[in-house]
Amino acid sequence: MSSWLRVRVVLDRLVAVVAMLVLAPVVAVLAILVKRHDGGPAFIWVERVGRDFEPFMMLKLRSMRADMPDGRARGPALTAKADERITPVGRRLRSYHLDEIPQLVNVARGDMLLLGPRPEAPEYVDEGEPRWKAVLRVPPGIAGPTQLVVSDWERHLIAADPDGSAYHDVVLPVKLAIDEWYVETMSFARDLEVAVALLKRFLPGNQPTRMRYRVSREVPEAVSIGEPVP
């Protein structure tokens, strides 16, 4: 474990605890809105693969129909933007990533970091793949560089191919390449760059960020996305 990652593990847990206390009223209001819509559970736990391939349960505000007793929806694991299983309230939550706020609990428990590779469901993780071994040397994160680069491209491919083959065969290799690059170059400066780029997503306009240009230069697989390279 690098010295910076050791600092991050401790710092992120402290920040998560403080953020949980500050955001508790907001989460409570959102939970009430989710439950009032259809009476289903406000929160769901979904299985994800964490550091060193250890499985863990990730907490989310429910954004889809509660088809099963635990609040999850039946159907494909991948979710297209126009997926009819997404509730009106859930669509708003997803638009601003508010459904991910409860993952602060996972950060406080040590399952996740604030910034890091996004965790995947077990069915998409191959323990024999060298890139998975490289990426899962660190805990997954609530947000990471792949969200800055592949999100729109990924949504388009999933919408055109909801059975999941395009995600597994096309999207996932690109995400793994970007995540491996991030893990290999993880530092205070890199994390600051990622954090600034993530904040810019909530500002007017949708111009490529410095992080996007850096990825396009340093990760060959990212060229397939078709984003401009300066």
C-alpha atoms as a PDB file:
ATOM      1  CA  MET A   1       0.000   0.000   0.000  1.00  0.00           C
ATOM      2  CA  SER A   2       1.402   3.415  -0.991  1.00  0.00           C
ATOM      3  CA  SER A   3       1.847   6.115   1.630  1.00  0.00           C
ATOM      4  CA  TRP A   4      -0.803   8.257  -0.072  1.00  0.00           C
ATOM      5  CA  LEU A   5      -3.312   5.416  -0.054  1.00  0.00           C
ATOM      6  CA  ARG A   6      -2.687   4.860   3.667  1.00  0.00           C
ATOM      7  CA  VAL A   7      -3.490   8.528   4.264  1.00  0.00           C
ATOM      8  CA  ARG A   8      -6.559   8.314   2.027  1.00  0.00           C
ATOM      9  CA  VAL A   9      -8.000   5.305   3.860  1.00  0.00           C
ATOM     10  CA  VAL A  10      -7.915   7.139   7.198  1.00  0.00           C
ATOM     11  CA  LEU A  11      -8.849  10.573   5.840  1.00  0.00           C
ATOM     12  CA  ASP A  12     -11.761   9.301   3.750  1.00  0.00           C
ATOM     13  CA  ARG A  13     -13.268   7.474   6.716  1.00  0.00           C
ATOM     14  CA  LEU A  14     -13.093  10.600   8.864  1.00  0.00           C
ATOM     15  CA  VAL A  15     -14.582  12.768   6.116  1.00  0.00           C
ATOM     16  CA  ALA A  16     -17.338  10.203   5.537  1.00  0.00           C
ATOM     17  CA  VAL A  17     -18.379  10.222   9.193  1.00  0.00           C
ATOM     18  CA  VAL A  18     -18.574  14.030   9.239  1.00  0.00           C
ATOM     19  CA  ALA A  19     -20.435  14.089   5.904  1.00  0.00           C
ATOM     20  CA  MET A  20     -22.932  11.516   7.178  1.00  0.00           C
ATOM     21  CA  LEU A  21     -23.778  13.741  10.137  1.00  0.00           C
ATOM     22  CA  VAL A  22     -24.096  16.858   7.977  1.00  0.00           C
ATOM     23  CA  LEU A  23     -26.136  15.173   5.233  1.00  0.00           C
ATOM     24  CA  ALA A  24     -28.352  13.070   7.524  1.00  0.00           C
ATOM     25  CA  PRO A  25     -31.343  15.483   7.222  1.00  0.00           C
ATOM     26  CA  VAL A  26     -31.020  15.518   3.423  1.00  0.00           C
ATOM     27  CA  VAL A  27     -30.868  11.732   3.237  1.00  0.00           C
ATOM     28  CA  ALA A  28     -33.878  11.482   5.576  1.00  0.00           C
ATOM     29  CA  VAL A  29     -35.961  13.728   3.291  1.00  0.00           C
ATOM     30  CA  LEU A  30     -34.896  11.792   0.189  1.00  0.00           C
ATOM     31  CA  ALA A  31     -35.714   8.492   1.894  1.00  0.00           C
ATOM     32  CA  ILE A  32     -39.202   9.752   2.739  1.00  0.00           C
ATOM     33  CA  LEU A  33     -39.762  10.794  -0.887  1.00  0.00           C
ATOM     34  CA  VAL A  34     -38.641   7.387  -2.151  1.00  0.00           C
ATOM     35  CA  LYS A  35     -40.867   5.488   0.272  1.00  0.00           C
ATOM     36  CA  ARG A  36     -43.900   7.717  -0.253  1.00  0.00           C
ATOM     37  CA  HIS A  37     -43.823   7.081  -3.995  1.00  0.00           C
ATOM     38  CA  ASP A  38     -44.709   3.387  -3.837  1.00  0.00           C
ATOM     39  CA  GLY A  39     -44.327   2.254  -0.234  1.00  0.00           C
ATOM     40  CA  GLY A  40     -41.234   0.153  -0.928  1.00  0.00           C
ATOM     41  CA  PRO A  41     -37.987   0.264   1.065  1.00  0.00           C
ATOM     42  CA  ALA A  42     -36.127   3.568   0.882  1.00  0.00           C
ATOM     43  CA  PHE A  43     -32.726   1.873   0.874  1.00  0.00           C
ATOM     44  CA  ILE A  44     -31.340  -1.219  -0.835  1.00  0.00           C
ATOM     45  CA  TRP A  45     -28.148  -3.239  -0.407  1.00  0.00           C
ATOM     46  CA  VAL A  46     -26.464  -4.502  -3.572  1.00  0.00           C
ATOM     47  CA  GLU A  47     -23.529  -6.909  -3.762  1.00  0.00           C
ATOM     48  CA  ARG A  48     -20.275  -5.557  -5.145  1.00  0.00           C
ATOM     49  CA  VAL A  49     -16.663  -6.749  -5.323  1.00  0.00           C
ATOM     50  CA  GLY A  50     -14.173  -4.822  -3.211  1.00  0.00           C
ATOM     51  CA  ARG A  51     -10.483  -4.756  -2.506  1.00  0.00           C
ATOM     52  CA  ASP A  52      -8.643  -8.056  -3.106  1.00  0.00           C
ATOM     53  CA  PHE A  53     -11.872  -9.486  -4.577  1.00  0.00           C
ATOM     54  CA  GLU A  54     -13.658  -9.397  -1.215  1.00  0.00           C
ATOM     55  CA  PRO A  55     -17.436  -9.086  -1.712  1.00  0.00           C
ATOM     56  CA  PHE A  56     -19.352  -6.454   0.239  1.00  0.00           C
ATOM     57  CA  MET A  57     -22.858  -5.018   0.343  1.00  0.00           C
ATOM     58  CA  MET A  58     -23.165  -1.454  -0.967  1.00  0.00           C
ATOM     59  CA  LEU A  59     -25.920   0.844   0.305  1.00  0.00           C
ATOM     60  CA  LYS A  60     -28.016   2.979  -2.059  1.00  0.00           C
ATOM     61  CA  LEU A  61     -31.212   4.968  -2.049  1.00  0.00           C
ATOM     62  CA  ARG A  62     -33.679   2.946  -4.106  1.00  0.00           C
ATOM     63  CA  SER A  63     -34.264   4.431  -7.555  1.00  0.00           C
ATOM     64  CA  MET A  64     -36.151   1.564  -9.224  1.00  0.00           C
ATOM     65  CA  ARG A  65     -39.368  -0.354  -8.621  1.00  0.00           C
ATOM     66  CA  ALA A  66     -39.390  -2.550  -5.533  1.00  0.00           C
ATOM     67  CA  ASP A  67     -40.255  -5.839  -7.242  1.00  0.00           C
ATOM     68  CA  MET A  68     -38.643  -8.029  -4.577  1.00  0.00           C
ATOM     69  CA  PRO A  69     -38.923  -8.009  -0.766  1.00  0.00           C
ATOM     70  CA  ASP A  70     -35.429  -6.523  -0.385  1.00  0.00           C
ATOM     71  CA  GLY A  71     -36.402  -3.549  -2.560  1.00  0.00           C
ATOM     72  CA  ARG A  72     -34.535  -4.537  -5.713  1.00  0.00           C
ATOM     73  CA  ALA A  73     -36.086  -4.579  -9.178  1.00  0.00           C
ATOM     74  CA  ARG A  74     -36.313  -7.680 -11.350  1.00  0.00           C
ATOM     75  CA  GLY A  75     -34.674  -7.672 -14.756  1.00  0.00           C
ATOM     76  CA  PRO A  76     -31.258  -6.943 -16.286  1.00  0.00           C
ATOM     77  CA  ALA A  77     -28.426  -5.889 -13.999  1.00  0.00           C
ATOM     78  CA  LEU A  78     -27.550  -3.019 -16.349  1.00  0.00           C
ATOM     79  CA  THR A  79     -29.779   0.038 -16.372  1.00  0.00           C
ATOM     80  CA  ALA A  80     -30.434   2.095 -19.498  1.00  0.00           C
ATOM     81  CA  LYS A  81     -31.301   5.770 -19.179  1.00  0.00           C
ATOM     82  CA  ALA A  82     -34.870   5.160 -20.380  1.00  0.00           C
ATOM     83  CA  ASP A  83     -35.338   2.004 -18.282  1.00  0.00           C
ATOM     84  CA  GLU A  84     -39.017   1.799 -17.345  1.00  0.00           C
ATOM     85  CA  ARG A  85     -38.097   0.260 -13.981  1.00  0.00           C
ATOM     86  CA  ILE A  86     -36.716   3.614 -12.792  1.00  0.00           C
ATOM     87  CA  THR A  87     -39.265   5.553 -10.752  1.00  0.00           C
ATOM     88  CA  PRO A  88     -39.896   9.292 -11.298  1.00  0.00           C
ATOM     89  CA  VAL A  89     -38.240  10.030  -7.952  1.00  0.00           C
ATOM     90  CA  GLY A  90     -35.403   7.672  -8.805  1.00  0.00           C
ATOM     91  CA  ARG A  91     -34.775   9.436 -12.091  1.00  0.00           C
ATOM     92  CA  ARG A  92     -34.211  12.706 -10.242  1.00  0.00           C
ATOM     93  CA  LEU A  93     -31.923  10.993  -7.745  1.00  0.00           C
ATOM     94  CA  ARG A  94     -29.849   9.449 -10.514  1.00  0.00           C
ATOM     95  CA  SER A  95     -29.575  12.733 -12.420  1.00  0.00           C
ATOM     96  CA  TYR A  96     -27.671  14.280  -9.517  1.00  0.00           C
ATOM     97  CA  HIS A  97     -26.139  11.029  -8.162  1.00  0.00           C
ATOM     98  CA  LEU A  98     -28.063  11.538  -4.915  1.00  0.00           C
ATOM     99  CA  ASP A  99     -28.838   7.824  -4.721  1.00  0.00           C
ATOM    100  CA  GLU A 100     -25.139   7.268  -3.986  1.00  0.00           C
ATOM    101  CA  ILE A 101     -24.957   9.456  -0.858  1.00  0.00           C
ATOM    102  CA  PRO A 102     -25.661   6.487   1.476  1.00  0.00           C
ATOM    103  CA  GLN A 103     -22.407   4.920   0.272  1.00  0.00           C
ATOM    104  CA  LEU A 104     -20.768   7.199   2.829  1.00  0.00           C
ATOM    105  CA  VAL A 105     -21.706   4.381   5.210  1.00  0.00           C
ATOM    106  CA  ASN A 106     -19.517   2.024   3.179  1.00  0.00           C
ATOM    107  CA  VAL A 107     -16.649   4.526   3.274  1.00  0.00           C
ATOM    108  CA  ALA A 108     -16.976   4.906   7.050  1.00  0.00           C
ATOM    109  CA  ARG A 109     -16.922   1.099   7.390  1.00  0.00           C
ATOM    110  CA  GLY A 110     -13.799   0.828   5.250  1.00  0.00           C
ATOM    111  CA  ASP A 111     -15.428  -0.971   2.300  1.00  0.00           C
ATOM    112  CA  MET A 112     -14.933   1.979  -0.053  1.00  0.00           C
ATOM    113  CA  LEU A 113     -13.120   5.277  -0.566  1.00  0.00           C
ATOM    114  CA  LEU A 114     -14.583   8.627  -1.569  1.00  0.00           C
ATOM    115  CA  LEU A 115     -12.564   8.544  -4.813  1.00  0.00           C
ATOM    116  CA  GLY A 116     -11.609   5.314  -6.530  1.00  0.00           C
ATOM    117  CA  PRO A 117     -12.598   2.819  -9.216  1.00  0.00           C
ATOM    118  CA  ARG A 118     -16.343   2.255  -9.176  1.00  0.00           C
ATOM    119  CA  PRO A 119     -17.204  -1.198  -7.758  1.00  0.00           C
ATOM    120  CA  GLU A 120     -18.646  -3.830 -10.069  1.00  0.00           C
ATOM    121  CA  ALA A 121     -21.218  -6.578  -9.555  1.00  0.00           C
ATOM    122  CA  PRO A 122     -19.686 -10.064  -9.096  1.00  0.00           C
ATOM    123  CA  GLU A 123     -20.897 -11.295 -12.498  1.00  0.00           C
ATOM    124  CA  TYR A 124     -18.643  -8.811 -14.284  1.00  0.00           C
ATOM    125  CA  VAL A 125     -15.465  -9.468 -12.282  1.00  0.00           C
ATOM    126  CA  ASP A 126     -12.897 -12.002 -13.517  1.00  0.00           C
ATOM    127  CA  GLU A 127     -10.387 -12.952 -10.821  1.00  0.00           C
ATOM    128  CA  GLY A 128      -8.073 -14.403 -13.471  1.00  0.00           C
ATOM    129  CA  GLU A 129      -7.832 -11.118 -15.397  1.00  0.00           C
ATOM    130  CA  PRO A 130      -4.559  -9.264 -14.578  1.00  0.00           C
ATOM    131  CA  ARG A 131      -6.224  -5.871 -14.870  1.00  0.00           C
ATOM    132  CA  TRP A 132      -8.819  -6.773 -12.278  1.00  0.00           C
ATOM    133  CA  LYS A 133      -6.007  -7.798  -9.933  1.00  0.00           C
ATOM    134  CA  ALA A 134      -4.328  -4.433 -10.509  1.00  0.00           C
ATOM    135  CA  VAL A 135      -7.509  -2.390 -10.031  1.00  0.00           C
ATOM    136  CA  LEU A 136      -8.673  -4.241  -6.927  1.00  0.00           C
ATOM    137  CA  ARG A 137      -5.425  -3.604  -5.084  1.00  0.00           C
ATOM    138  CA  VAL A 138      -7.270  -0.556  -3.723  1.00  0.00           C
ATOM    139  CA  PRO A 139     -10.774  -0.156  -2.295  1.00  0.00           C
ATOM    140  CA  PRO A 140     -13.427   0.941  -4.799  1.00  0.00           C
ATOM    141  CA  GLY A 141     -14.775   4.494  -4.621  1.00  0.00           C
ATOM    142  CA  ILE A 142     -18.062   6.379  -4.650  1.00  0.00           C
ATOM    143  CA  ALA A 143     -16.765   8.320  -7.645  1.00  0.00           C
ATOM    144  CA  GLY A 144     -13.819   7.926  -9.986  1.00  0.00           C
ATOM    145  CA  PRO A 145     -12.221   8.890 -13.275  1.00  0.00           C
ATOM    146  CA  THR A 146     -14.267   6.499 -15.427  1.00  0.00           C
ATOM    147  CA  GLN A 147     -17.398   8.553 -14.669  1.00  0.00           C
ATOM    148  CA  LEU A 148     -15.668  11.549 -16.244  1.00  0.00           C
ATOM    149  CA  VAL A 149     -14.775   9.710 -19.416  1.00  0.00           C
ATOM    150  CA  VAL A 150     -17.143   6.882 -20.289  1.00  0.00           C
ATOM    151  CA  SER A 151     -20.527   7.767 -18.756  1.00  0.00           C
ATOM    152  CA  ASP A 152     -22.283   9.161 -21.859  1.00  0.00           C
ATOM    153  CA  TRP A 153     -20.650   6.616 -24.193  1.00  0.00           C
ATOM    154  CA  GLU A 154     -21.555   3.800 -21.803  1.00  0.00           C
ATOM    155  CA  ARG A 155     -25.207   4.879 -21.554  1.00  0.00           C
ATOM    156  CA  HIS A 156     -25.483   4.976 -25.344  1.00  0.00           C
ATOM    157  CA  LEU A 157     -24.091   1.454 -25.768  1.00  0.00           C
ATOM    158  CA  ILE A 158     -26.240   0.002 -22.981  1.00  0.00           C
ATOM    159  CA  ALA A 159     -29.371   1.566 -24.465  1.00  0.00           C
ATOM    160  CA  ALA A 160     -28.545   0.001 -27.846  1.00  0.00           C
ATOM    161  CA  ASP A 161     -27.641  -3.389 -26.369  1.00  0.00           C
ATOM    162  CA  PRO A 162     -29.555  -4.004 -23.099  1.00  0.00           C
ATOM    163  CA  ASP A 163     -28.577  -7.707 -22.870  1.00  0.00           C
ATOM    164  CA  GLY A 164     -25.185  -6.669 -21.488  1.00  0.00           C
ATOM    165  CA  SER A 165     -22.813  -8.072 -24.115  1.00  0.00           C
ATOM    166  CA  ALA A 166     -21.644  -4.623 -25.266  1.00  0.00           C
ATOM    167  CA  TYR A 167     -20.958  -3.645 -21.672  1.00  0.00           C
ATOM    168  CA  HIS A 168     -18.896  -6.772 -21.024  1.00  0.00           C
ATOM    169  CA  ASP A 169     -17.071  -6.848 -24.367  1.00  0.00           C
ATOM    170  CA  VAL A 170     -16.653  -3.149 -25.187  1.00  0.00           C
ATOM    171  CA  VAL A 171     -17.223  -0.876 -22.188  1.00  0.00           C
ATOM    172  CA  LEU A 172     -15.666  -2.896 -19.383  1.00  0.00           C
ATOM    173  CA  PRO A 173     -12.204  -3.255 -20.985  1.00  0.00           C
ATOM    174  CA  VAL A 174     -12.015   0.528 -21.420  1.00  0.00           C
ATOM    175  CA  LYS A 175     -13.131   1.165 -17.844  1.00  0.00           C
ATOM    176  CA  LEU A 176     -10.589  -1.332 -16.537  1.00  0.00           C
ATOM    177  CA  ALA A 177      -7.800   0.322 -18.525  1.00  0.00           C
ATOM    178  CA  ILE A 178      -8.695   3.749 -17.112  1.00  0.00           C
ATOM    179  CA  ASP A 179      -9.036   2.407 -13.581  1.00  0.00           C
ATOM    180  CA  GLU A 180      -5.683   0.617 -13.809  1.00  0.00           C
ATOM    181  CA  TRP A 181      -4.068   3.855 -14.997  1.00  0.00           C
ATOM    182  CA  TYR A 182      -5.654   5.707 -12.074  1.00  0.00           C
ATOM    183  CA  VAL A 183      -4.493   3.152  -9.500  1.00  0.00           C
ATOM    184  CA  GLU A 184      -0.952   3.157 -10.915  1.00  0.00           C
ATOM    185  CA  THR A 185      -0.755   6.971 -10.811  1.00  0.00           C
ATOM    186  CA  MET A 186      -2.729   7.552  -7.601  1.00  0.00           C
ATOM    187  CA  SER A 187      -1.387  10.570  -5.705  1.00  0.00           C
ATOM    188  CA  PHE A 188      -2.574  13.751  -4.018  1.00  0.00           C
ATOM    189  CA  ALA A 189      -2.250  15.658  -7.311  1.00  0.00           C
ATOM    190  CA  ARG A 190      -4.151  12.990  -9.280  1.00  0.00           C
ATOM    191  CA  ASP A 191      -6.979  12.813  -6.750  1.00  0.00           C
ATOM    192  CA  LEU A 192      -7.248  16.598  -6.673  1.00  0.00           C
ATOM    193  CA  GLU A 193      -7.504  16.601 -10.468  1.00  0.00           C
ATOM    194  CA  VAL A 194     -10.257  13.971 -10.377  1.00  0.00           C
ATOM    195  CA  ALA A 195     -12.159  15.807  -7.620  1.00  0.00           C
ATOM    196  CA  VAL A 196     -12.079  19.130  -9.496  1.00  0.00           C
ATOM    197  CA  ALA A 197     -13.256  17.450 -12.698  1.00  0.00           C
ATOM    198  CA  LEU A 198     -16.122  15.746 -10.858  1.00  0.00           C
ATOM    199  CA  LEU A 199     -17.247  19.067  -9.355  1.00  0.00           C
ATOM    200  CA  LYS A 200     -17.251  20.650 -12.813  1.00  0.00           C
ATOM    201  CA  ARG A 201     -19.878  18.131 -13.916  1.00  0.00           C
ATOM    202  CA  PHE A 202     -22.423  20.032 -11.846  1.00  0.00           C
ATOM    203  CA  LEU A 203     -21.593  23.402 -13.427  1.00  0.00           C
ATOM    204  CA  PRO A 204     -23.259  24.796 -16.598  1.00  0.00           C
ATOM    205  CA  GLY A 205     -21.716  23.568 -19.835  1.00  0.00           C
ATOM    206  CA  ASN A 206     -20.219  20.213 -20.685  1.00  0.00           C
ATOM    207  CA  GLN A 207     -16.708  20.944 -21.927  1.00  0.00           C
ATOM    208  CA  PRO A 208     -14.056  18.195 -21.722  1.00  0.00           C
ATOM    209  CA  THR A 209     -11.979  18.559 -18.575  1.00  0.00           C
ATOM    210  CA  ARG A 210      -8.224  18.456 -18.140  1.00  0.00           C
ATOM    211  CA  MET A 211      -8.682  14.982 -16.681  1.00  0.00           C
ATOM    212  CA  ARG A 212     -10.485  13.834 -19.843  1.00  0.00           C
ATOM    213  CA  TYR A 213      -7.654  15.095 -22.047  1.00  0.00           C
ATOM    214  CA  ARG A 214      -5.070  13.454 -19.810  1.00  0.00           C
ATOM    215  CA  VAL A 215      -6.844  10.092 -20.002  1.00  0.00           C
ATOM    216  CA  SER A 216      -7.121  10.340 -23.792  1.00  0.00           C
ATOM    217  CA  ARG A 217      -3.356  10.887 -24.007  1.00  0.00           C
ATOM    218  CA  GLU A 218      -2.203   8.310 -21.466  1.00  0.00           C
ATOM    219  CA  VAL A 219      -4.740   5.465 -21.844  1.00  0.00           C
ATOM    220  CA  PRO A 220      -4.765   4.124 -25.430  1.00  0.00           C
ATOM    221  CA  GLU A 221      -8.040   2.238 -24.922  1.00  0.00           C
ATOM    222  CA  ALA A 222      -9.850   5.529 -24.216  1.00  0.00           C
ATOM    223  CA  VAL A 223      -9.445   6.618 -27.842  1.00  0.00           C
ATOM    224  CA  SER A 224     -12.226   4.194 -28.821  1.00  0.00           C
ATOM    225  CA  ILE A 225     -14.726   6.423 -27.008  1.00  0.00           C
ATOM    226  CA  GLY A 226     -14.334   9.036 -29.710  1.00  0.00           C
ATOM    227  CA  GLU A 227     -13.746  12.026 -27.438  1.00  0.00           C
ATOM    228  CA  PRO A 228     -11.470  14.789 -28.785  1.00  0.00           C
ATOM    229  CA  VAL A 229      -7.743  14.502 -28.077  1.00  0.00           C
ATOM    230  CA  PRO A 230      -5.967  17.898 -27.942  1.00  0.00           C
END
